[in-house]
C-alpha atoms as a PDB file:
ATOM      1  CA  MET A   1      -0.008  -0.017   0.037  1.00  0.00           C
ATOM      2  CA  THR A   2       1.343   3.477  -0.923  1.00  0.00           C
ATOM      3  CA  HIS A   3       1.600   6.376   1.424  1.00  0.00           C
ATOM      4  CA  GLU A   4      -1.271   8.003  -0.398  1.00  0.00           C
ATOM      5  CA  GLY A   5      -3.465   4.972   0.425  1.00  0.00           C
ATOM      6  CA  ILE A   6      -2.698   5.146   4.056  1.00  0.00           C
ATOM      7  CA  PHE A   7      -3.763   8.777   4.562  1.00  0.00           C
ATOM      8  CA  PRO A   8      -7.552   8.086   4.006  1.00  0.00           C
ATOM      9  CA  LEU A   9      -7.339   5.239   6.494  1.00  0.00           C
ATOM     10  CA  LEU A  10      -5.667   7.422   9.097  1.00  0.00           C
ATOM     11  CA  ALA A  11      -8.253  10.139   8.522  1.00  0.00           C
ATOM     12  CA  ALA A  12     -11.066   7.716   9.132  1.00  0.00           C
ATOM     13  CA  TRP A  13      -9.532   6.026  12.200  1.00  0.00           C
ATOM     14  CA  ARG A  14     -11.086   6.803  15.584  1.00  0.00           C
ATOM     15  CA  PRO A  15      -9.758   5.575  18.912  1.00  0.00           C
ATOM     16  CA  PRO A  16     -11.814   2.643  20.286  1.00  0.00           C
ATOM     17  CA  THR A  17     -14.454   3.607  22.794  1.00  0.00           C
ATOM     18  CA  GLU A  18     -13.302   2.783  26.266  1.00  0.00           C
ATOM     19  CA  ILE A  19     -15.179  -0.120  27.748  1.00  0.00           C
ATOM     20  CA  ARG A  20     -16.023   0.737  31.256  1.00  0.00           C
ATOM     21  CA  GLN A  21     -16.124  -2.095  33.721  1.00  0.00           C
ATOM     22  CA  PRO A  22     -18.641  -1.905  36.466  1.00  0.00           C
ATOM     23  CA  PRO A  23     -17.068  -0.796  39.706  1.00  0.00           C
ATOM     24  CA  THR A  24     -15.715  -3.644  41.901  1.00  0.00           C
ATOM     25  CA  PRO A  25     -17.324  -3.509  45.269  1.00  0.00           C
ATOM     26  CA  SER A  26     -15.020  -2.797  48.168  1.00  0.00           C
ATOM     27  CA  GLN A  27     -13.684  -5.864  49.826  1.00  0.00           C
ATOM     28  CA  LEU A  28     -13.740  -6.297  53.611  1.00  0.00           C
ATOM     29  CA  ASP A  29     -10.259  -6.429  55.111  1.00  0.00           C
ATOM     30  CA  ARG A  30      -8.897  -6.862  58.598  1.00  0.00           C
ATOM     31  CA  GLY A  31      -9.092  -3.136  59.324  1.00  0.00           C
ATOM     32  CA  GLY A  32     -12.683  -2.951  58.154  1.00  0.00           C
ATOM     33  CA  LEU A  33     -13.536  -6.070  60.151  1.00  0.00           C
ATOM     34  CA  ARG A  34     -12.130  -4.570  63.353  1.00  0.00           C
ATOM     35  CA  ALA A  35     -13.825  -1.299  62.784  1.00  0.00           C
ATOM     36  CA  GLY A  36     -17.174  -3.114  62.191  1.00  0.00           C
ATOM     37  CA  LEU A  37     -16.788  -5.168  65.320  1.00  0.00           C
ATOM     38  CA  SER A  38     -16.213  -2.093  67.431  1.00  0.00           C
ATOM     39  CA  GLY A  39     -19.129  -0.309  65.689  1.00  0.00           C
ATOM     40  CA  ASP A  40     -22.515  -1.501  64.657  1.00  0.00           C
ATOM     41  CA  ALA A  41     -21.820  -3.326  61.384  1.00  0.00           C
ATOM     42  CA  ILE A  42     -23.158  -6.668  62.656  1.00  0.00           C
ATOM     43  CA  ALA A  43     -26.886  -7.335  62.738  1.00  0.00           C
ATOM     44  CA  LEU A  44     -28.918 -10.514  62.924  1.00  0.00           C
ATOM     45  CA  ALA A  45     -31.813 -11.859  60.843  1.00  0.00           C
ATOM     46  CA  TYR A  46     -33.948 -14.650  62.216  1.00  0.00           C
ATOM     47  CA  GLN A  47     -35.582 -17.449  60.220  1.00  0.00           C
ATOM     48  CA  PRO A  48     -38.186 -19.396  62.244  1.00  0.00           C
ATOM     49  CA  LYS A  49     -38.320 -23.218  62.541  1.00  0.00           C
ATOM     50  CA  VAL A  50     -41.753 -24.764  62.854  1.00  0.00           C
ATOM     51  CA  ASP A  51     -43.312 -28.064  63.994  1.00  0.00           C
ATOM     52  CA  LEU A  52     -44.682 -29.683  60.811  1.00  0.00           C
ATOM     53  CA  SER A  53     -47.577 -31.226  62.758  1.00  0.00           C
ATOM     54  CA  ASP A  54     -49.303 -27.940  63.500  1.00  0.00           C
ATOM     55  CA  GLU A  55     -46.806 -25.331  62.003  1.00  0.00           C
ATOM     56  CA  ARG A  56     -46.212 -23.937  65.492  1.00  0.00           C
ATOM     57  CA  PRO A  57     -42.901 -21.954  65.782  1.00  0.00           C
ATOM     58  CA  VAL A  58     -40.415 -23.871  67.901  1.00  0.00           C
ATOM     59  CA  GLY A  59     -37.207 -21.902  67.285  1.00  0.00           C
ATOM     60  CA  ALA A  60     -35.311 -19.499  65.066  1.00  0.00           C
ATOM     61  CA  GLU A  61     -31.890 -19.513  63.400  1.00  0.00           C
ATOM     62  CA  ALA A  62     -29.911 -16.319  63.821  1.00  0.00           C
ATOM     63  CA  LEU A  63     -28.246 -15.412  60.511  1.00  0.00           C
ATOM     64  CA  LEU A  64     -25.290 -12.987  60.280  1.00  0.00           C
ATOM     65  CA  ARG A  65     -25.743  -9.672  58.385  1.00  0.00           C
ATOM     66  CA  TRP A  66     -22.967  -7.111  57.862  1.00  0.00           C
ATOM     67  CA  ARG A  67     -23.330  -3.555  56.647  1.00  0.00           C
ATOM     68  CA  ASP A  68     -20.004  -1.827  56.327  1.00  0.00           C
ATOM     69  CA  PRO A  69     -19.756   1.964  56.069  1.00  0.00           C
ATOM     70  CA  LEU A  70     -17.165   1.540  53.245  1.00  0.00           C
ATOM     71  CA  ALA A  71     -17.777  -1.860  51.707  1.00  0.00           C
ATOM     72  CA  GLY A  72     -21.580  -1.704  51.996  1.00  0.00           C
ATOM     73  CA  VAL A  73     -23.505  -4.951  52.411  1.00  0.00           C
ATOM     74  CA  VAL A  74     -21.032  -7.791  52.781  1.00  0.00           C
ATOM     75  CA  SER A  75     -22.043 -11.442  52.420  1.00  0.00           C
ATOM     76  CA  PRO A  76     -21.852 -13.556  55.595  1.00  0.00           C
ATOM     77  CA  GLU A  77     -19.498 -15.955  53.791  1.00  0.00           C
ATOM     78  CA  GLN A  78     -16.986 -13.144  53.072  1.00  0.00           C
ATOM     79  CA  VAL A  79     -17.226 -11.915  56.669  1.00  0.00           C
ATOM     80  CA  VAL A  80     -16.503 -15.359  58.005  1.00  0.00           C
ATOM     81  CA  ARG A  81     -13.664 -16.009  55.497  1.00  0.00           C
ATOM     82  CA  VAL A  82     -11.929 -12.718  56.348  1.00  0.00           C
ATOM     83  CA  ALA A  83     -12.438 -13.368  60.115  1.00  0.00           C
ATOM     84  CA  GLU A  84     -10.962 -16.827  59.871  1.00  0.00           C
ATOM     85  CA  ASP A  85      -7.999 -15.651  57.774  1.00  0.00           C
ATOM     86  CA  CYS A  86      -7.063 -12.826  60.188  1.00  0.00           C
ATOM     87  CA  GLY A  87      -7.836 -14.632  63.483  1.00  0.00           C
ATOM     88  CA  LEU A  88     -10.914 -12.677  64.435  1.00  0.00           C
ATOM     89  CA  ILE A  89     -13.556 -15.415  64.002  1.00  0.00           C
ATOM     90  CA  ASP A  90     -13.940 -15.843  67.785  1.00  0.00           C
ATOM     91  CA  GLU A  91     -14.825 -12.213  68.169  1.00  0.00           C
ATOM     92  CA  VAL A  92     -17.336 -12.388  65.322  1.00  0.00           C
ATOM     93  CA  SER A  93     -19.070 -15.552  66.658  1.00  0.00           C
ATOM     94  CA  LEU A  94     -19.119 -14.269  70.251  1.00  0.00           C
ATOM     95  CA  ARG A  95     -20.656 -11.001  69.059  1.00  0.00           C
ATOM     96  CA  VAL A  96     -23.346 -12.860  67.136  1.00  0.00           C
ATOM     97  CA  LEU A  97     -24.100 -14.933  70.297  1.00  0.00           C
ATOM     98  CA  ALA A  98     -24.253 -11.830  72.429  1.00  0.00           C
ATOM     99  CA  LEU A  99     -26.756 -10.160  69.949  1.00  0.00           C
ATOM    100  CA  ALA A 100     -28.807 -13.331  69.904  1.00  0.00           C
ATOM    101  CA  VAL A 101     -28.868 -13.333  73.746  1.00  0.00           C
ATOM    102  CA  ARG A 102     -29.959  -9.732  73.750  1.00  0.00           C
ATOM    103  CA  ASP A 103     -32.696 -10.324  71.136  1.00  0.00           C
ATOM    104  CA  ARG A 104     -34.003 -13.360  72.955  1.00  0.00           C
ATOM    105  CA  ALA A 105     -34.289 -11.279  76.163  1.00  0.00           C
ATOM    106  CA  THR A 106     -36.316  -8.811  74.261  1.00  0.00           C
ATOM    107  CA  LEU A 107     -38.624 -11.536  73.019  1.00  0.00           C
ATOM    108  CA  LEU A 108     -38.870 -12.932  76.533  1.00  0.00           C
ATOM    109  CA  ARG A 109     -40.041  -9.560  77.825  1.00  0.00           C
ATOM    110  CA  ALA A 110     -42.774  -9.735  75.202  1.00  0.00           C
ATOM    111  CA  GLY A 111     -43.857 -13.140  76.452  1.00  0.00           C
ATOM    112  CA  ILE A 112     -42.163 -15.105  73.652  1.00  0.00           C
ATOM    113  CA  ASP A 113     -39.776 -17.852  74.759  1.00  0.00           C
ATOM    114  CA  LEU A 114     -38.165 -18.985  71.503  1.00  0.00           C
ATOM    115  CA  PRO A 115     -34.974 -21.066  71.386  1.00  0.00           C
ATOM    116  CA  VAL A 116     -32.273 -19.539  69.129  1.00  0.00           C
ATOM    117  CA  ALA A 117     -29.663 -21.291  66.956  1.00  0.00           C
ATOM    118  CA  CYS A 118     -26.342 -19.670  65.883  1.00  0.00           C
ATOM    119  CA  ASN A 119     -23.801 -20.891  63.402  1.00  0.00           C
ATOM    120  CA  VAL A 120     -20.205 -21.455  64.568  1.00  0.00           C
ATOM    121  CA  SER A 121     -16.997 -21.883  62.625  1.00  0.00           C
ATOM    122  CA  MET A 122     -14.713 -24.932  62.936  1.00  0.00           C
ATOM    123  CA  HIS A 123     -12.015 -22.373  63.921  1.00  0.00           C
ATOM    124  CA  ASN A 124     -14.116 -21.466  66.957  1.00  0.00           C
ATOM    125  CA  LEU A 125     -14.199 -25.067  68.092  1.00  0.00           C
ATOM    126  CA  ARG A 126     -10.484 -25.722  68.000  1.00  0.00           C
ATOM    127  CA  ASP A 127      -9.992 -23.843  71.263  1.00  0.00           C
ATOM    128  CA  ILE A 128     -11.898 -25.231  74.215  1.00  0.00           C
ATOM    129  CA  ALA A 129     -11.554 -21.836  75.948  1.00  0.00           C
ATOM    130  CA  ILE A 130     -14.342 -20.477  73.882  1.00  0.00           C
ATOM    131  CA  VAL A 131     -16.819 -22.796  75.818  1.00  0.00           C
ATOM    132  CA  ASP A 132     -16.408 -20.711  79.000  1.00  0.00           C
ATOM    133  CA  ARG A 133     -16.780 -17.436  77.075  1.00  0.00           C
ATOM    134  CA  MET A 134     -19.991 -18.600  75.438  1.00  0.00           C
ATOM    135  CA  HIS A 135     -21.348 -19.969  78.696  1.00  0.00           C
ATOM    136  CA  ALA A 136     -20.575 -16.690  80.465  1.00  0.00           C
ATOM    137  CA  ILE A 137     -22.445 -14.591  77.822  1.00  0.00           C
ATOM    138  CA  VAL A 138     -25.623 -16.578  78.349  1.00  0.00           C
ATOM    139  CA  LEU A 139     -25.428 -16.853  82.105  1.00  0.00           C
ATOM    140  CA  ASP A 140     -24.568 -13.193  82.589  1.00  0.00           C
ATOM    141  CA  ALA A 141     -27.834 -12.370  80.800  1.00  0.00           C
ATOM    142  CA  GLY A 142     -29.730 -14.687  83.122  1.00  0.00           C
ATOM    143  CA  ASP A 143     -30.615 -17.063  80.353  1.00  0.00           C
ATOM    144  CA  ASP A 144     -30.510 -20.879  79.987  1.00  0.00           C
ATOM    145  CA  PRO A 145     -27.823 -22.490  77.671  1.00  0.00           C
ATOM    146  CA  ALA A 146     -30.417 -25.164  76.808  1.00  0.00           C
ATOM    147  CA  ARG A 147     -32.256 -22.524  74.817  1.00  0.00           C
ATOM    148  CA  PHE A 148     -29.354 -22.008  72.495  1.00  0.00           C
ATOM    149  CA  THR A 149     -28.143 -24.321  69.678  1.00  0.00           C
ATOM    150  CA  PHE A 150     -24.837 -24.099  67.909  1.00  0.00           C
ATOM    151  CA  GLU A 151     -24.959 -25.299  64.274  1.00  0.00           C
ATOM    152  CA  VAL A 152     -21.873 -26.865  62.672  1.00  0.00           C
ATOM    153  CA  THR A 153     -21.692 -27.866  59.016  1.00  0.00           C
ATOM    154  CA  GLU A 154     -21.500 -31.574  58.373  1.00  0.00           C
ATOM    155  CA  THR A 155     -18.821 -31.327  55.689  1.00  0.00           C
ATOM    156  CA  HIS A 156     -16.466 -29.384  57.950  1.00  0.00           C
ATOM    157  CA  LEU A 157     -17.041 -31.877  60.812  1.00  0.00           C
ATOM    158  CA  ILE A 158     -16.036 -34.757  58.566  1.00  0.00           C
ATOM    159  CA  ASP A 159     -12.872 -32.998  57.580  1.00  0.00           C
ATOM    160  CA  ASP A 160     -11.741 -32.085  61.123  1.00  0.00           C
ATOM    161  CA  LEU A 161     -13.629 -33.931  63.788  1.00  0.00           C
ATOM    162  CA  PRO A 162     -10.705 -34.937  66.057  1.00  0.00           C
ATOM    163  CA  SER A 163      -9.692 -31.349  66.726  1.00  0.00           C
ATOM    164  CA  VAL A 164     -13.178 -30.159  67.681  1.00  0.00           C
ATOM    165  CA  LEU A 165     -14.834 -33.118  69.371  1.00  0.00           C
ATOM    166  CA  GLU A 166     -13.785 -32.150  72.882  1.00  0.00           C
ATOM    167  CA  THR A 167     -15.113 -28.660  72.444  1.00  0.00           C
ATOM    168  CA  LEU A 168     -18.482 -30.018  71.274  1.00  0.00           C
ATOM    169  CA  ILE A 169     -18.632 -32.353  74.217  1.00  0.00           C
ATOM    170  CA  ARG A 170     -17.930 -29.549  76.619  1.00  0.00           C
ATOM    171  CA  LEU A 171     -20.620 -27.408  75.116  1.00  0.00           C
ATOM    172  CA  ARG A 172     -23.140 -30.230  75.639  1.00  0.00           C
ATOM    173  CA  PHE A 173     -21.956 -30.573  79.266  1.00  0.00           C
ATOM    174  CA  ARG A 174     -22.681 -26.855  79.751  1.00  0.00           C
ATOM    175  CA  GLY A 175     -26.193 -27.365  78.468  1.00  0.00           C
ATOM    176  CA  PHE A 176     -25.934 -26.108  74.961  1.00  0.00           C
ATOM    177  CA  ARG A 177     -27.474 -28.028  72.010  1.00  0.00           C
ATOM    178  CA  ILE A 178     -25.562 -29.065  68.902  1.00  0.00           C
ATOM    179  CA  ALA A 179     -26.992 -29.203  65.365  1.00  0.00           C
ATOM    180  CA  ILE A 180     -25.394 -30.830  62.363  1.00  0.00           C
ATOM    181  CA  ASP A 181     -26.196 -28.365  59.534  1.00  0.00           C
ATOM    182  CA  ASP A 182     -26.556 -29.123  55.824  1.00  0.00           C
ATOM    183  CA  TYR A 183     -26.703 -32.876  56.481  1.00  0.00           C
ATOM    184  CA  GLY A 184     -26.295 -34.807  53.286  1.00  0.00           C
ATOM    185  CA  THR A 185     -23.545 -32.612  51.727  1.00  0.00           C
ATOM    186  CA  GLY A 186     -20.781 -34.532  53.375  1.00  0.00           C
ATOM    187  CA  ALA A 187     -22.082 -38.114  53.188  1.00  0.00           C
ATOM    188  CA  ALA A 188     -21.396 -38.841  56.871  1.00  0.00           C
ATOM    189  CA  THR A 189     -21.792 -42.478  57.878  1.00  0.00           C
ATOM    190  CA  MET A 190     -23.891 -43.634  60.866  1.00  0.00           C
ATOM    191  CA  GLN A 191     -20.701 -44.578  62.710  1.00  0.00           C
ATOM    192  CA  PHE A 192     -19.440 -41.047  62.270  1.00  0.00           C
ATOM    193  CA  LEU A 193     -22.649 -39.517  63.422  1.00  0.00           C
ATOM    194  CA  MET A 194     -22.774 -41.719  66.464  1.00  0.00           C
ATOM    195  CA  GLN A 195     -19.507 -40.106  67.716  1.00  0.00           C
ATOM    196  CA  LEU A 196     -21.127 -36.590  67.816  1.00  0.00           C
ATOM    197  CA  PRO A 197     -22.865 -35.153  70.908  1.00  0.00           C
ATOM    198  CA  SER A 198     -25.449 -33.631  68.649  1.00  0.00           C
ATOM    199  CA  THR A 199     -29.138 -33.147  69.348  1.00  0.00           C
ATOM    200  CA  GLU A 200     -30.368 -31.973  65.887  1.00  0.00           C
ATOM    201  CA  LEU A 201     -29.907 -33.043  62.320  1.00  0.00           C
ATOM    202  CA  LYS A 202     -30.710 -30.415  59.699  1.00  0.00           C
ATOM    203  CA  ILE A 203     -31.262 -31.937  56.235  1.00  0.00           C
ATOM    204  CA  ASP A 204     -29.783 -29.913  53.407  1.00  0.00           C
ATOM    205  CA  ARG A 205     -32.339 -28.193  51.164  1.00  0.00           C
ATOM    206  CA  GLN A 206     -30.991 -30.056  48.143  1.00  0.00           C
ATOM    207  CA  PHE A 207     -32.595 -33.275  49.574  1.00  0.00           C
ATOM    208  CA  VAL A 208     -35.968 -31.519  49.799  1.00  0.00           C
ATOM    209  CA  MET A 209     -35.635 -30.266  46.200  1.00  0.00           C
ATOM    210  CA  ALA A 210     -34.649 -33.676  44.858  1.00  0.00           C
ATOM    211  CA  ALA A 211     -37.514 -35.367  46.721  1.00  0.00           C
ATOM    212  CA  SER A 212     -40.043 -33.079  45.057  1.00  0.00           C
ATOM    213  CA  ARG A 213     -38.706 -34.099  41.616  1.00  0.00           C
ATOM    214  CA  ASN A 214     -38.491 -37.897  41.594  1.00  0.00           C
ATOM    215  CA  ASP A 215     -38.808 -41.115  43.518  1.00  0.00           C
ATOM    216  CA  ALA A 216     -35.074 -41.571  43.960  1.00  0.00           C
ATOM    217  CA  GLY A 217     -34.771 -38.166  45.683  1.00  0.00           C
ATOM    218  CA  ARG A 218     -37.824 -39.045  47.811  1.00  0.00           C
ATOM    219  CA  ALA A 219     -36.162 -42.322  48.876  1.00  0.00           C
ATOM    220  CA  MET A 220     -32.939 -40.441  49.830  1.00  0.00           C
ATOM    221  CA  LEU A 221     -34.942 -37.933  51.929  1.00  0.00           C
ATOM    222  CA  ARG A 222     -36.847 -40.730  53.626  1.00  0.00           C
ATOM    223  CA  SER A 223     -33.513 -42.429  54.475  1.00  0.00           C
ATOM    224  CA  ALA A 224     -32.035 -39.276  55.919  1.00  0.00           C
ATOM    225  CA  ILE A 225     -35.151 -38.713  58.129  1.00  0.00           C
ATOM    226  CA  ALA A 226     -35.088 -42.348  59.321  1.00  0.00           C
ATOM    227  CA  LEU A 227     -31.345 -42.078  60.150  1.00  0.00           C
ATOM    228  CA  GLY A 228     -31.921 -38.997  62.243  1.00  0.00           C
ATOM    229  CA  ASP A 229     -34.808 -40.644  64.056  1.00  0.00           C
ATOM    230  CA  ALA A 230     -32.641 -43.786  64.742  1.00  0.00           C
ATOM    231  CA  LEU A 231     -29.996 -41.552  66.294  1.00  0.00           C
ATOM    232  CA  HIS A 232     -32.639 -39.723  68.448  1.00  0.00           C
ATOM    233  CA  GLN A 233     -32.059 -36.413  66.699  1.00  0.00           C
ATOM    234  CA  ASP A 234     -34.538 -33.655  66.145  1.00  0.00           C
ATOM    235  CA  VAL A 235     -34.746 -33.783  62.297  1.00  0.00           C
ATOM    236  CA  VAL A 236     -35.219 -30.476  60.572  1.00  0.00           C
ATOM    237  CA  ALA A 237     -35.812 -30.044  56.785  1.00  0.00           C
ATOM    238  CA  GLU A 238     -34.297 -26.883  55.333  1.00  0.00           C
ATOM    239  CA  GLY A 239     -35.337 -25.047  52.335  1.00  0.00           C
ATOM    240  CA  VAL A 240     -39.062 -25.780  52.554  1.00  0.00           C
ATOM    241  CA  GLU A 241     -40.519 -23.354  50.031  1.00  0.00           C
ATOM    242  CA  THR A 242     -44.022 -24.720  49.207  1.00  0.00           C
ATOM    243  CA  ALA A 243     -47.053 -26.244  50.824  1.00  0.00           C
ATOM    244  CA  ASP A 244     -46.370 -29.331  48.749  1.00  0.00           C
ATOM    245  CA  ASP A 245     -42.889 -29.591  50.308  1.00  0.00           C
ATOM    246  CA  ALA A 246     -44.376 -29.425  53.763  1.00  0.00           C
ATOM    247  CA  ARG A 247     -47.033 -32.041  52.975  1.00  0.00           C
ATOM    248  CA  MET A 248     -44.409 -34.392  51.547  1.00  0.00           C
ATOM    249  CA  LEU A 249     -42.244 -33.971  54.659  1.00  0.00           C
ATOM    250  CA  ARG A 250     -45.166 -34.770  56.894  1.00  0.00           C
ATOM    251  CA  GLU A 251     -45.836 -37.886  54.951  1.00  0.00           C
ATOM    252  CA  LEU A 252     -42.220 -39.046  55.286  1.00  0.00           C
ATOM    253  CA  GLY A 253     -42.250 -38.493  59.021  1.00  0.00           C
ATOM    254  CA  CYS A 254     -40.117 -35.393  59.319  1.00  0.00           C
ATOM    255  CA  ARG A 255     -40.981 -33.376  62.421  1.00  0.00           C
ATOM    256  CA  TYR A 256     -39.587 -29.919  61.929  1.00  0.00           C
ATOM    257  CA  ALA A 257     -39.041 -27.555  58.954  1.00  0.00           C
ATOM    258  CA  GLN A 258     -37.517 -24.238  58.027  1.00  0.00           C
ATOM    259  CA  GLY A 259     -37.812 -22.223  54.835  1.00  0.00           C
ATOM    260  CA  TYR A 260     -39.484 -19.497  52.826  1.00  0.00           C
ATOM    261  CA  HIS A 261     -42.877 -21.262  52.919  1.00  0.00           C
ATOM    262  CA  TYR A 262     -43.084 -20.209  56.463  1.00  0.00           C
ATOM    263  CA  ALA A 263     -40.931 -17.030  56.688  1.00  0.00           C
ATOM    264  CA  ARG A 264     -37.891 -15.317  55.213  1.00  0.00           C
ATOM    265  CA  PRO A 265     -35.160 -14.148  57.566  1.00  0.00           C
ATOM    266  CA  MET A 266     -36.237 -11.041  59.539  1.00  0.00           C
ATOM    267  CA  ALA A 267     -35.182  -8.688  62.153  1.00  0.00           C
ATOM    268  CA  ALA A 268     -35.967  -9.462  65.859  1.00  0.00           C
ATOM    269  CA  GLU A 269     -38.708  -6.901  65.973  1.00  0.00           C
ATOM    270  CA  ALA A 270     -40.376  -8.332  62.927  1.00  0.00           C
ATOM    271  CA  LEU A 271     -39.988 -11.820  64.436  1.00  0.00           C
ATOM    272  CA  ALA A 272     -41.942 -10.743  67.458  1.00  0.00           C
ATOM    273  CA  THR A 273     -44.771  -9.455  65.216  1.00  0.00           C
ATOM    274  CA  TRP A 274     -44.688 -12.624  63.093  1.00  0.00           C
ATOM    275  CA  MET A 275     -44.961 -14.771  66.223  1.00  0.00           C
ATOM    276  CA  ALA A 276     -47.951 -12.727  67.467  1.00  0.00           C
ATOM    277  CA  HIS A 277     -49.704 -13.203  64.117  1.00  0.00           C
ATOM    278  CA  ARG A 278     -48.981 -16.930  64.238  1.00  0.00           C
ATOM    279  CA  ALA A 279     -50.409 -17.184  67.706  1.00  0.00           C
END
């Protein structure tokens, strides 16, 4: 191509339009986590658990919420991951428990005695000293440890049971209840489950979804419920989203349920109103 041929091309050329990427949300870091813990970044939302026989509320799970002044709304998974990585997970879990104790006291003053469950990290359970701290938080508020359940994910238990078993046993000795959360995701054996001082088996929502689709899924759900009953656990089905799900679970002998069919997670004040309407 001659120089003369290049000139028209140069005259017609325009720089490419800059493609603007959506802004990346701020990430929570150690400094932000510490600031949030000393401030009011942590809040709790409660999802009720009901008795399937009469749909009477029998408990509520406290779910972590985090609203950071810089990072905005941060997912619970990110908060826990950062807290575990920087050694602040005990502070996060103890703050969640303290808020749950406070909210339960508010409900008690309104005449509502509702047991509360909190999720704990495996990192929390590797130091038995946390048992005394948890116990003190509940006793200092004049409450009963038996009204509080700590939920531990089945998959994590399978991966690291020897390092946390003593802590779980000590929690049970102090009166707390223990739930195996998301049961079915880790394929625990009966022999494994028999080693645990647990009181509750929470069946993962994927089992409920599969059971609503086909006979094989229904058979697996029935088996999970039967295993929980055989181990004298309170069996709770998670992710119950429709009346058909609830009806199926009753037919299969499941006693408790939790899910959007009954209520979405809500603040403690809204929980009190929800309970009053249910009554």
